Structure formats: C-alpha cells, structure tokens
C-alpha cells in the first residue's frame, strides 16, 4: 500500500505437463530422454552418472525407430497449447477479478520451455505463481515433478510465492465432464451392438506397488489415489441411465524398472474381455488430459491388435470446451485462495 492506495497484484498462471518431442529428430529426443532419467527415473532406480547419457540415447533411438515405423506424430504439445489457450481465453472472458491481474504461460517438464527455468524467471516479475499441472493424479512421477522443480527454485519461500493446483481427480465437476464426454463420443457401431457384451477400459499411467526389494516405495506413488479415481469414475459411468457397458476395467500403462508395478494392465483387461466373449470394447484414457504416445500410439495399438468385432478408442478430453471452462474455474478458485493466504501472511509481518 502506497499513500492509502493498494497496489494491485500480478500473478502468473503456468499451465504445465510432461511434454513430448514434436519434431521427431534424434537430436530433439536426446535432451528430453536425459531429463526424464535425471528427474523421474532416478527416484526409483539408482543410475550412475556415466550411464545416464548411454541409457537416454538408447531410449531415444528406440522411440525414433518405433515412431518412424508406425508413422506416429505426437500431437501432445499442440493439444497442450490449445488447453493453455482455453485457460487464457477463459480468464480474459471472466473479466477483471478483484484478487489480481493474471497472465497465462505454457511450460513442460521435459521439453522447452522448461518449467523450472520459467518459474525461476517469473518469480522476479510477479507477486505469485499459480502452477496448473495437467495431470489428474499426483505422484512423485507426475505432478510431484512440478512440485520438486518449484521447491528447488523457491526453497523456503515456496508456500508464500507459489501455489500448485492439485487433487483434480477428486473434483465432482471433472467426473461429470468425463462421463458426459465419454458417452457423447461413443459411436454408432458400439451403440448398435445387440445381444452382445460391451466393455470399457479406462486407461491410466500405472505406478509402483513394491520396490525392487519387495518393500513399499519410499516415494509418494499415488497408488491409493489412482485406485480411488478409477472407483469414482466407474461408479459414475455404471450409474448413468444411458450406460451401455456391462463392465468397466482399469488399464494401467506401466514401466519395467524399479520394482513391481500395478497388475491391472491394459493388456490384462483386454485379454479378460476377450476370454469372456465381449463383442465390443471401448477404450478411454481417463488418466491423461491430453493424448500422447502412451495413449494414442501404445494403448490404441493394443486395442486395435486385440481383434474385437467392434472396438473404439475415445480420445482424451484434450481441448473439449467444457474441460477448458472447468480448468479456468479451478485456476480462479486457486488464485482467490492464494490471494487470501498471502494477505494473511502479510498481516503477520511486523509493521515498520
């Protein structure tokens, strides 16, 4: 406050996610793979520094060949830019909010513009930063990456300078948006099945259950949250009056290192539906807000190869308008909570 005038605050809103190489070249894959190993994989597997580049470069070459042979082109960044644009437009359409002026930025964990570099720059220009990780369930391997990068940048001042939007999977509004979107997208071929069984596979990124020694992991894995998210989503779907699914099953995308991962894999769910004589299967990646190589390439390929008489892949929620409106509402809610927190902390500071 200067001469009785309250200075209006400026907040940066950073919409962030993993990121994926858009221009498929080996030289672009290298830095992304190395950053993934350093930031995520090292949390569960001890990797000597000398092996980081070797393993990362091997993975880069494998991804390059795999994507080239299947003619896969990642749309992940394009979708994320559209989602960031929806948030920016939503905030602009909401008009001036009393708490602060908001400016929206995009960022990624593993490709430029990097989240850690961006928040380090923005902290000098803004009174606060609201980070929106577009991953529904927190874990050390997902939203936790954002928290760790922010903690590294802000240290003790993190809680007064930055707020990370979290627990999006618990929001009843998201569950309703998901269910409405899913049933709106189901095609005529699936709806036209008569007398046969139709199943749904809800795809999510799996997580560790036990480390390599057979013990509970030392890092936060989000296992209970993942299972509860699935339970809530399944319940929401099965209770709908227009439900066409006889059963809904979880399909986890797991990694091969670090210990024992969740057993409810995509492959097992598809195999079970096959053995039980399901005529139609729908796949929906509810654990991802944007399509990426793990959803529209790996999981979709498994569905195609399963050979059901009728099969449909429903794309991630991506840039659906109702999803953009919900994201905007979440950001504005967090800004208001953040502004109140900062005001409370400032009131506790000793007066000059």
Protein backbone atom coordinates (compact mmCIF):
# COMPACT_ATOMS: atom_id res chain seq x y z
CA UNK A 1 0.00 0.00 0.00
CA UNK A 2 1.36 3.42 -1.01
CA UNK A 3 -0.33 6.63 0.32
CA UNK A 4 -3.51 4.68 1.05
CA UNK A 5 -3.60 3.05 -2.42
CA UNK A 6 -3.48 -0.75 -2.51
CA UNK A 7 -1.14 -1.95 -5.22
CA UNK A 8 -2.85 -4.47 -7.49
CA UNK A 9 -1.02 -7.78 -7.56
CA UNK A 10 0.20 -9.61 -10.63
CA UNK A 11 0.04 -13.40 -10.79
CA UNK A 12 1.48 -15.73 -13.42
CA UNK A 13 -0.53 -18.83 -14.27
CA UNK A 14 1.72 -21.60 -15.62
CA UNK A 15 -0.08 -24.43 -17.40
CA UNK A 16 2.33 -27.36 -17.47
CA UNK A 17 2.70 -31.06 -18.27
CA UNK A 18 5.39 -33.59 -19.23
CA UNK A 19 5.86 -32.59 -22.83
CA UNK A 20 6.84 -34.78 -25.76
CA UNK A 21 9.10 -34.24 -28.74
CA UNK A 22 7.06 -32.66 -31.53
CA UNK A 23 9.66 -32.57 -34.29
CA UNK A 24 10.82 -36.19 -34.47
CA UNK A 25 14.59 -35.97 -34.70
CA UNK A 26 17.20 -37.86 -32.69
CA UNK A 27 18.83 -34.60 -31.59
CA UNK A 28 15.48 -33.49 -30.13
CA UNK A 29 14.86 -36.78 -28.36
CA UNK A 30 18.26 -36.84 -26.61
CA UNK A 31 17.80 -33.93 -24.17
CA UNK A 32 14.24 -34.99 -23.38
CA UNK A 33 15.25 -38.56 -22.53
CA UNK A 34 18.16 -37.40 -20.40
CA UNK A 35 15.95 -35.02 -18.41
CA UNK A 36 13.38 -37.79 -17.80
CA UNK A 37 16.08 -40.06 -16.42
CA UNK A 38 17.52 -37.38 -14.17
CA UNK A 39 14.20 -36.08 -12.84
CA UNK A 40 11.91 -39.14 -12.70
CA UNK A 41 13.64 -42.49 -13.20
CA UNK A 42 16.35 -41.76 -10.65
CA UNK A 43 13.70 -41.55 -7.94
CA UNK A 44 13.15 -45.31 -8.14
CA UNK A 45 16.32 -46.69 -9.75
CA UNK A 46 19.90 -45.74 -8.90
CA UNK A 47 21.57 -44.79 -12.18
CA UNK A 48 25.27 -43.90 -12.23
CA UNK A 49 26.06 -40.61 -13.91
CA UNK A 50 28.16 -42.41 -16.50
CA UNK A 51 25.12 -44.39 -17.66
CA UNK A 52 22.64 -41.52 -17.90
CA UNK A 53 23.59 -40.50 -21.43
CA UNK A 54 24.00 -44.07 -22.65
CA UNK A 55 20.55 -45.18 -21.46
CA UNK A 56 18.88 -41.95 -22.57
CA UNK A 57 20.40 -42.14 -26.03
CA UNK A 58 19.39 -45.80 -26.39
CA UNK A 59 15.80 -44.91 -25.45
CA UNK A 60 15.85 -42.01 -27.89
CA UNK A 61 16.92 -44.27 -30.75
CA UNK A 62 14.26 -46.84 -29.84
CA UNK A 63 11.49 -44.22 -29.73
CA UNK A 64 12.68 -42.71 -33.00
CA UNK A 65 12.57 -46.05 -34.84
CA UNK A 66 9.28 -47.09 -33.26
CA UNK A 67 7.51 -43.83 -34.09
CA UNK A 68 9.01 -43.66 -37.56
CA UNK A 69 7.96 -47.19 -38.46
CA UNK A 70 4.41 -46.60 -37.24
CA UNK A 71 4.30 -43.08 -38.75
CA UNK A 72 3.36 -41.65 -35.38
CA UNK A 73 3.47 -37.88 -34.98
CA UNK A 74 2.93 -36.55 -31.47
CA UNK A 75 0.07 -34.09 -31.03
CA UNK A 76 0.79 -33.67 -27.32
CA UNK A 77 2.30 -30.17 -27.48
CA UNK A 78 -0.32 -28.90 -29.92
CA UNK A 79 -3.06 -30.10 -27.57
CA UNK A 80 -1.34 -28.53 -24.56
CA UNK A 81 -1.03 -25.21 -26.37
CA UNK A 82 -4.75 -25.36 -27.15
CA UNK A 83 -5.51 -26.14 -23.50
CA UNK A 84 -3.33 -23.24 -22.35
CA UNK A 85 -5.16 -21.03 -24.83
CA UNK A 86 -8.52 -22.10 -23.41
CA UNK A 87 -7.40 -21.11 -19.92
CA UNK A 88 -6.09 -17.76 -21.14
CA UNK A 89 -9.29 -17.06 -23.07
CA UNK A 90 -11.42 -18.17 -20.14
CA UNK A 91 -9.64 -15.82 -17.77
CA UNK A 92 -9.93 -12.97 -20.24
CA UNK A 93 -13.65 -13.67 -20.70
CA UNK A 94 -14.19 -13.73 -16.94
CA UNK A 95 -13.19 -10.07 -16.82
CA UNK A 96 -11.26 -8.41 -14.04
CA UNK A 97 -11.18 -10.39 -10.82
CA UNK A 98 -10.63 -8.50 -7.56
CA UNK A 99 -7.64 -10.53 -6.43
CA UNK A 100 -5.05 -9.84 -9.15
CA UNK A 101 -4.12 -9.45 -12.81
CA UNK A 102 -3.36 -12.83 -14.38
CA UNK A 103 -1.02 -13.74 -17.23
CA UNK A 104 -1.00 -17.31 -18.60
CA UNK A 105 2.11 -19.21 -19.75
CA UNK A 106 2.76 -22.73 -21.07
CA UNK A 107 5.62 -24.90 -19.83
CA UNK A 108 6.82 -28.52 -19.82
CA UNK A 109 8.92 -30.79 -17.63
CA UNK A 110 10.99 -32.41 -20.36
CA UNK A 111 10.89 -30.16 -23.45
CA UNK A 112 11.24 -26.38 -23.84
CA UNK A 113 10.00 -24.09 -22.46
CA UNK A 114 11.10 -25.87 -19.29
CA UNK A 115 9.00 -25.39 -16.15
CA UNK A 116 11.98 -24.99 -13.81
CA UNK A 117 13.58 -22.31 -15.98
CA UNK A 118 10.30 -20.44 -16.49
CA UNK A 119 9.33 -20.23 -12.80
CA UNK A 120 12.84 -19.04 -11.92
CA UNK A 121 12.34 -16.18 -14.39
CA UNK A 122 8.75 -15.38 -13.42
CA UNK A 123 9.44 -15.17 -9.69
CA UNK A 124 11.25 -11.88 -10.32
CA UNK A 125 8.35 -10.40 -12.27
CA UNK A 126 5.22 -11.48 -10.39
CA UNK A 127 3.77 -11.36 -6.87
CA UNK A 128 2.83 -15.02 -7.12
CA UNK A 129 2.72 -18.01 -9.44
CA UNK A 130 -0.14 -20.49 -9.81
CA UNK A 131 1.02 -23.74 -11.42
CA UNK A 132 -1.59 -25.91 -13.16
CA UNK A 133 -0.16 -29.40 -13.89
CA UNK A 134 -2.42 -31.05 -16.46
CA UNK A 135 -2.20 -34.49 -14.89
CA UNK A 136 -5.19 -35.60 -12.82
CA UNK A 137 -3.49 -37.78 -10.17
CA UNK A 138 -0.46 -36.66 -8.16
CA UNK A 139 2.61 -38.83 -7.67
CA UNK A 140 6.35 -38.40 -7.49
CA UNK A 141 6.41 -39.27 -11.20
CA UNK A 142 3.73 -36.81 -12.37
CA UNK A 143 2.57 -33.64 -10.60
CA UNK A 144 5.24 -34.28 -8.00
CA UNK A 145 7.82 -33.41 -10.63
CA UNK A 146 6.36 -29.90 -10.80
CA UNK A 147 6.40 -29.58 -7.02
CA UNK A 148 10.03 -30.68 -6.82
CA UNK A 149 11.10 -28.24 -9.54
CA UNK A 150 9.31 -25.41 -7.74
CA UNK A 151 10.76 -26.38 -4.37
CA UNK A 152 14.24 -26.34 -5.90
CA UNK A 153 13.61 -22.85 -7.29
CA UNK A 154 11.90 -21.24 -4.29
CA UNK A 155 13.11 -23.18 -1.24
CA UNK A 156 11.64 -21.71 1.97
CA UNK A 157 9.55 -19.10 0.13
CA UNK A 158 7.62 -21.70 -1.90
CA UNK A 159 4.37 -21.58 0.07
CA UNK A 160 4.08 -17.81 0.01
CA UNK A 161 5.18 -17.41 -3.63
CA UNK A 162 3.74 -20.41 -5.48
CA UNK A 163 0.55 -22.44 -5.42
CA UNK A 164 0.20 -25.76 -7.27
CA UNK A 165 -3.29 -26.87 -8.29
CA UNK A 166 -3.78 -30.43 -7.02
CA UNK A 167 -6.29 -33.23 -6.37
CA UNK A 168 -8.12 -32.59 -9.60
CA UNK A 169 -9.19 -36.23 -9.74
CA UNK A 170 -11.47 -35.69 -6.74
CA UNK A 171 -13.45 -32.86 -8.32
CA UNK A 172 -17.05 -33.94 -8.94
CA UNK A 173 -17.22 -31.50 -11.84
CA UNK A 174 -14.43 -33.32 -13.66
CA UNK A 175 -16.08 -36.70 -13.15
CA UNK A 176 -19.30 -35.37 -14.66
CA UNK A 177 -17.46 -33.75 -17.58
CA UNK A 178 -15.63 -37.02 -18.26
CA UNK A 179 -18.81 -39.11 -18.18
CA UNK A 180 -20.75 -36.74 -20.42
CA UNK A 181 -17.85 -36.51 -22.87
CA UNK A 182 -17.36 -40.30 -23.00
CA UNK A 183 -20.99 -41.10 -23.75
CA UNK A 184 -21.21 -38.28 -26.29
CA UNK A 185 -18.23 -39.74 -28.17
CA UNK A 186 -19.40 -43.35 -28.32
CA UNK A 187 -20.03 -44.20 -31.98
CA UNK A 188 -22.92 -45.86 -33.77
CA UNK A 189 -21.04 -49.15 -34.22
CA UNK A 190 -20.70 -49.64 -30.46
CA UNK A 191 -24.24 -48.46 -29.75
CA UNK A 192 -25.54 -50.75 -32.45
CA UNK A 193 -24.37 -53.95 -30.73
CA UNK A 194 -27.41 -56.04 -29.90
CA UNK A 195 -27.29 -59.06 -27.64
CA UNK A 196 -23.52 -58.85 -27.12
CA UNK A 197 -21.43 -57.68 -24.21
CA UNK A 198 -19.75 -54.25 -24.35
CA UNK A 199 -16.86 -53.38 -22.04
CA UNK A 200 -14.88 -50.24 -21.21
CA UNK A 201 -11.16 -49.96 -20.42
CA UNK A 202 -10.23 -46.82 -18.51
CA UNK A 203 -6.53 -46.21 -19.17
CA UNK A 204 -4.22 -44.51 -16.68
CA UNK A 205 -0.50 -44.40 -16.01
CA UNK A 206 0.33 -47.16 -13.53
CA UNK A 207 2.57 -46.71 -10.54
CA UNK A 208 4.86 -48.69 -8.25
CA UNK A 209 3.37 -51.05 -5.70
CA UNK A 210 6.64 -52.51 -4.35
CA UNK A 211 10.26 -51.55 -4.84
CA UNK A 212 12.88 -54.00 -6.06
CA UNK A 213 13.38 -55.28 -2.52
CA UNK A 214 9.68 -56.02 -2.18
CA UNK A 215 9.03 -53.10 0.18
CA UNK A 216 6.58 -50.20 -0.18
CA UNK A 217 8.25 -47.46 -2.29
CA UNK A 218 9.92 -44.64 -0.40
CA UNK A 219 8.50 -42.04 -2.78
CA UNK A 220 4.83 -40.98 -2.97
CA UNK A 221 3.34 -43.09 -5.76
CA UNK A 222 -0.31 -42.02 -5.75
CA UNK A 223 -1.41 -45.67 -5.69
CA UNK A 224 -4.42 -45.17 -3.41
CA UNK A 225 -5.45 -42.04 -5.32
CA UNK A 226 -5.22 -43.86 -8.65
CA UNK A 227 -7.45 -46.69 -7.45
CA UNK A 228 -9.95 -44.31 -5.87
CA UNK A 229 -10.09 -42.20 -9.03
CA UNK A 230 -10.93 -45.34 -11.00
CA UNK A 231 -13.58 -46.38 -8.45
CA UNK A 232 -15.27 -42.98 -8.62
CA UNK A 233 -15.17 -42.91 -12.41
CA UNK A 234 -16.51 -46.46 -12.75
CA UNK A 235 -19.33 -45.69 -10.33
CA UNK A 236 -20.21 -42.53 -12.23
CA UNK A 237 -20.40 -44.47 -15.51
CA UNK A 238 -22.27 -47.52 -14.25
CA UNK A 239 -24.94 -45.41 -12.53
CA UNK A 240 -25.87 -43.50 -15.69
CA UNK A 241 -29.30 -44.31 -17.12
CA UNK A 242 -27.77 -44.42 -20.62
CA UNK A 243 -24.94 -46.78 -19.63
CA UNK A 244 -24.20 -49.46 -22.25
CA UNK A 245 -21.24 -51.14 -20.51
CA UNK A 246 -21.56 -54.49 -18.79
CA UNK A 247 -18.24 -53.89 -17.03
CA UNK A 248 -15.56 -51.21 -16.65
CA UNK A 249 -11.95 -52.23 -16.05
CA UNK A 250 -8.75 -50.41 -15.23
CA UNK A 251 -5.92 -50.46 -17.77
CA UNK A 252 -2.55 -49.34 -16.40
CA UNK A 253 0.42 -48.30 -18.50
CA UNK A 254 3.47 -49.49 -16.56
CA UNK A 255 7.22 -49.19 -16.82
CA UNK A 256 9.56 -52.14 -16.49
CA UNK A 257 12.05 -50.79 -13.95
CA UNK A 258 12.09 -50.02 -10.25
CA UNK A 259 10.08 -52.90 -8.83
CA UNK A 260 6.53 -54.25 -9.05
CA UNK A 261 4.00 -52.06 -10.82
CA UNK A 262 0.19 -52.23 -10.76
CA UNK A 263 -1.15 -55.54 -12.02
CA UNK A 264 -4.28 -54.14 -13.70
CA UNK A 265 -2.61 -53.51 -17.05
CA UNK A 266 -4.15 -52.56 -20.38
CA UNK A 267 -3.17 -55.92 -21.82
CA UNK A 268 -4.74 -57.93 -18.99
CA UNK A 269 -8.01 -56.01 -19.19
CA UNK A 270 -8.25 -56.54 -22.94
CA UNK A 271 -7.38 -60.24 -22.57
CA UNK A 272 -10.05 -60.69 -19.91
CA UNK A 273 -12.72 -59.10 -22.09
CA UNK A 274 -11.60 -61.31 -24.96
CA UNK A 275 -11.79 -64.53 -22.95
CA UNK A 276 -15.23 -63.59 -21.62
CA UNK A 277 -16.63 -63.16 -25.11
CA UNK A 278 -17.14 -59.42 -25.25
CA UNK A 279 -18.24 -58.30 -28.70
CA UNK A 280 -17.34 -54.66 -28.27
CA UNK A 281 -14.74 -52.75 -26.24
CA UNK A 282 -14.28 -49.01 -25.80
CA UNK A 283 -11.01 -47.53 -24.52
CA UNK A 284 -10.84 -44.13 -22.82
CA UNK A 285 -7.61 -42.72 -21.27
CA UNK A 286 -9.18 -41.06 -18.23
CA UNK A 287 -5.81 -40.76 -16.50
CA UNK A 288 -4.49 -38.33 -19.13
CA UNK A 289 -5.79 -34.89 -20.03
CA UNK A 290 -4.07 -34.92 -23.44
CA UNK A 291 -3.32 -37.61 -26.00
CA UNK A 292 0.33 -38.63 -26.21
CA UNK A 293 2.46 -41.53 -27.36
CA UNK A 294 1.34 -43.72 -24.45
CA UNK A 295 -2.35 -43.24 -25.25
CA UNK A 296 -2.94 -42.68 -28.97
CA UNK A 297 0.05 -44.82 -30.01
CA UNK A 298 0.80 -47.58 -27.47
CA UNK A 299 -2.63 -48.18 -25.88
CA UNK A 300 -4.60 -47.66 -29.06
CA UNK A 301 -2.34 -50.11 -30.88
CA UNK A 302 -3.08 -52.74 -28.22
CA UNK A 303 -6.81 -52.20 -28.69
CA UNK A 304 -6.52 -52.50 -32.47
CA UNK A 305 -4.46 -55.68 -32.20
CA UNK A 306 -6.87 -57.29 -29.70
CA UNK A 307 -9.22 -58.03 -32.60
CA UNK A 308 -12.64 -57.37 -31.07
CA UNK A 309 -15.53 -57.39 -33.59
CA UNK A 310 -16.23 -53.78 -32.58
CA UNK A 311 -13.70 -51.51 -30.91
CA UNK A 312 -13.47 -47.76 -30.37
CA UNK A 313 -10.75 -45.56 -28.96
CA UNK A 314 -12.18 -42.39 -27.40
CA UNK A 315 -9.55 -39.66 -27.38
CA UNK A 316 -8.52 -37.88 -24.21
CA UNK A 317 -10.59 -34.91 -23.09
CA UNK A 318 -7.97 -32.71 -24.87
CA UNK A 319 -9.43 -29.30 -25.77
CA UNK A 320 -13.12 -30.00 -25.17
CA UNK A 321 -14.73 -26.61 -24.37
CA UNK A 322 -16.35 -27.79 -21.13
CA UNK A 323 -12.95 -29.00 -19.93
CA UNK A 324 -11.47 -25.57 -20.67
CA UNK A 325 -14.21 -23.90 -18.65
CA UNK A 326 -13.54 -26.20 -15.73
CA UNK A 327 -9.79 -25.55 -15.84
CA UNK A 328 -10.45 -21.80 -15.84
CA UNK A 329 -12.75 -22.15 -12.84
CA UNK A 330 -10.09 -24.16 -10.97
CA UNK A 331 -7.44 -21.53 -11.67
CA UNK A 332 -9.63 -18.64 -10.49
CA UNK A 333 -10.54 -20.58 -7.34
CA UNK A 334 -6.87 -21.21 -6.61
CA UNK A 335 -5.98 -17.57 -7.24
CA UNK A 336 -8.57 -16.44 -4.72
CA UNK A 337 -7.34 -18.92 -2.12
CA UNK A 338 -3.75 -17.91 -2.83
CA UNK A 339 -4.52 -14.20 -2.53
CA UNK A 340 -6.23 -14.76 0.83
CA UNK A 341 -3.26 -16.80 2.06
CA UNK A 342 -0.78 -14.11 1.03
CA UNK A 343 -2.90 -11.43 2.69
CA UNK A 344 -2.95 -13.45 5.93
CA UNK A 345 0.81 -13.95 5.83
CA UNK A 346 1.40 -10.26 5.13
CA UNK A 347 -0.81 -9.29 8.10
CA UNK A 348 1.50 -11.28 10.37
CA UNK A 349 4.60 -9.41 9.24
CA UNK A 350 5.93 -6.82 11.72
CA UNK A 351 4.87 -3.26 10.87
CA UNK A 352 7.74 -0.80 10.16
